[in-house]
Amino acid sequence: MGKGLSLWFACSSILLLTVASIMISYNIWLALLLGFLCVMNIGWGFILKARLRRQQEAKQEIL
């Protein structure tokens, strides 16, 4: 995974968790939703990283 994409996933996860922690004071359901979205965002980052790594390995095997 490239540096830009890694930075995007890191910053977006931090932003989601920050907003979720602020929302705890106002609306617990929205805070839970944002926490769930953050977990999904992190998971999506790991899935994408694994797919890109497998594609890179497949290209190297062909050569």
Protein backbone atom coordinates (compact mmCIF):
# COMPACT_ATOMS: atom_id res chain seq x y z
CA MET A 1 0.00 0.00 0.00
CA GLY A 2 1.30 3.41 -0.88
CA LYS A 3 2.16 6.08 1.62
CA GLY A 4 -0.71 8.31 0.57
CA LEU A 5 -3.29 5.58 0.97
CA SER A 6 -1.87 4.58 4.35
CA LEU A 7 -1.99 8.20 5.47
CA TRP A 8 -5.61 8.45 4.32
CA PHE A 9 -6.69 5.42 6.37
CA ALA A 10 -4.77 6.63 9.43
CA CYS A 11 -6.17 10.17 9.32
CA SER A 12 -9.72 9.10 8.56
CA SER A 13 -9.68 6.62 11.45
CA ILE A 14 -8.35 9.24 13.84
CA LEU A 15 -10.98 11.71 12.67
CA LEU A 16 -13.80 9.18 13.09
CA LEU A 17 -12.67 8.23 16.59
CA THR A 18 -12.28 11.88 17.59
CA VAL A 19 -15.79 12.74 16.42
CA ALA A 20 -17.13 9.59 18.10
CA SER A 21 -15.53 10.57 21.41
CA ILE A 22 -17.09 14.05 21.16
CA MET A 23 -20.49 12.56 20.29
CA ILE A 24 -20.49 10.47 23.49
CA SER A 25 -21.59 13.62 25.32
CA TYR A 26 -24.41 14.38 22.90
CA ASN A 27 -25.79 11.21 21.35
CA ILE A 28 -24.63 7.73 22.32
CA TRP A 29 -26.18 6.09 19.25
CA LEU A 30 -24.32 8.38 16.90
CA ALA A 31 -21.12 7.75 18.86
CA LEU A 32 -21.63 3.99 18.51
CA LEU A 33 -22.31 4.35 14.80
CA LEU A 34 -19.14 6.38 14.31
CA GLY A 35 -17.15 3.85 16.33
CA PHE A 36 -18.50 1.06 14.15
CA LEU A 37 -17.63 3.03 11.01
CA CYS A 38 -14.10 3.52 12.32
CA VAL A 39 -13.68 -0.22 12.88
CA MET A 40 -15.00 -0.86 9.38
CA ASN A 41 -12.60 1.74 7.97
CA ILE A 42 -9.63 0.09 9.68
CA GLY A 43 -10.76 -3.33 8.47
CA TRP A 44 -11.17 -2.05 4.93
CA GLY A 45 -7.60 -0.72 5.10
CA PHE A 46 -6.26 -4.14 6.11
CA ILE A 47 -8.29 -5.88 3.39
CA LEU A 48 -7.06 -3.46 0.75
CA LYS A 49 -3.47 -3.86 1.92
CA ALA A 50 -3.69 -7.66 1.67
CA ARG A 51 -5.23 -7.50 -1.82
CA LEU A 52 -2.58 -5.11 -3.09
CA ARG A 53 0.17 -7.27 -1.59
CA ARG A 54 -1.23 -10.40 -3.27
CA GLN A 55 -1.41 -8.60 -6.62
CA GLN A 56 2.19 -7.46 -6.22
CA GLU A 57 3.33 -11.00 -5.38
CA ALA A 58 1.45 -12.40 -8.39
CA LYS A 59 3.18 -9.91 -10.69
CA GLN A 60 6.59 -10.87 -9.30
CA GLU A 61 5.90 -14.58 -9.84
CA ILE A 62 5.15 -13.96 -13.52
CA LEU A 63 8.50 -12.26 -14.01
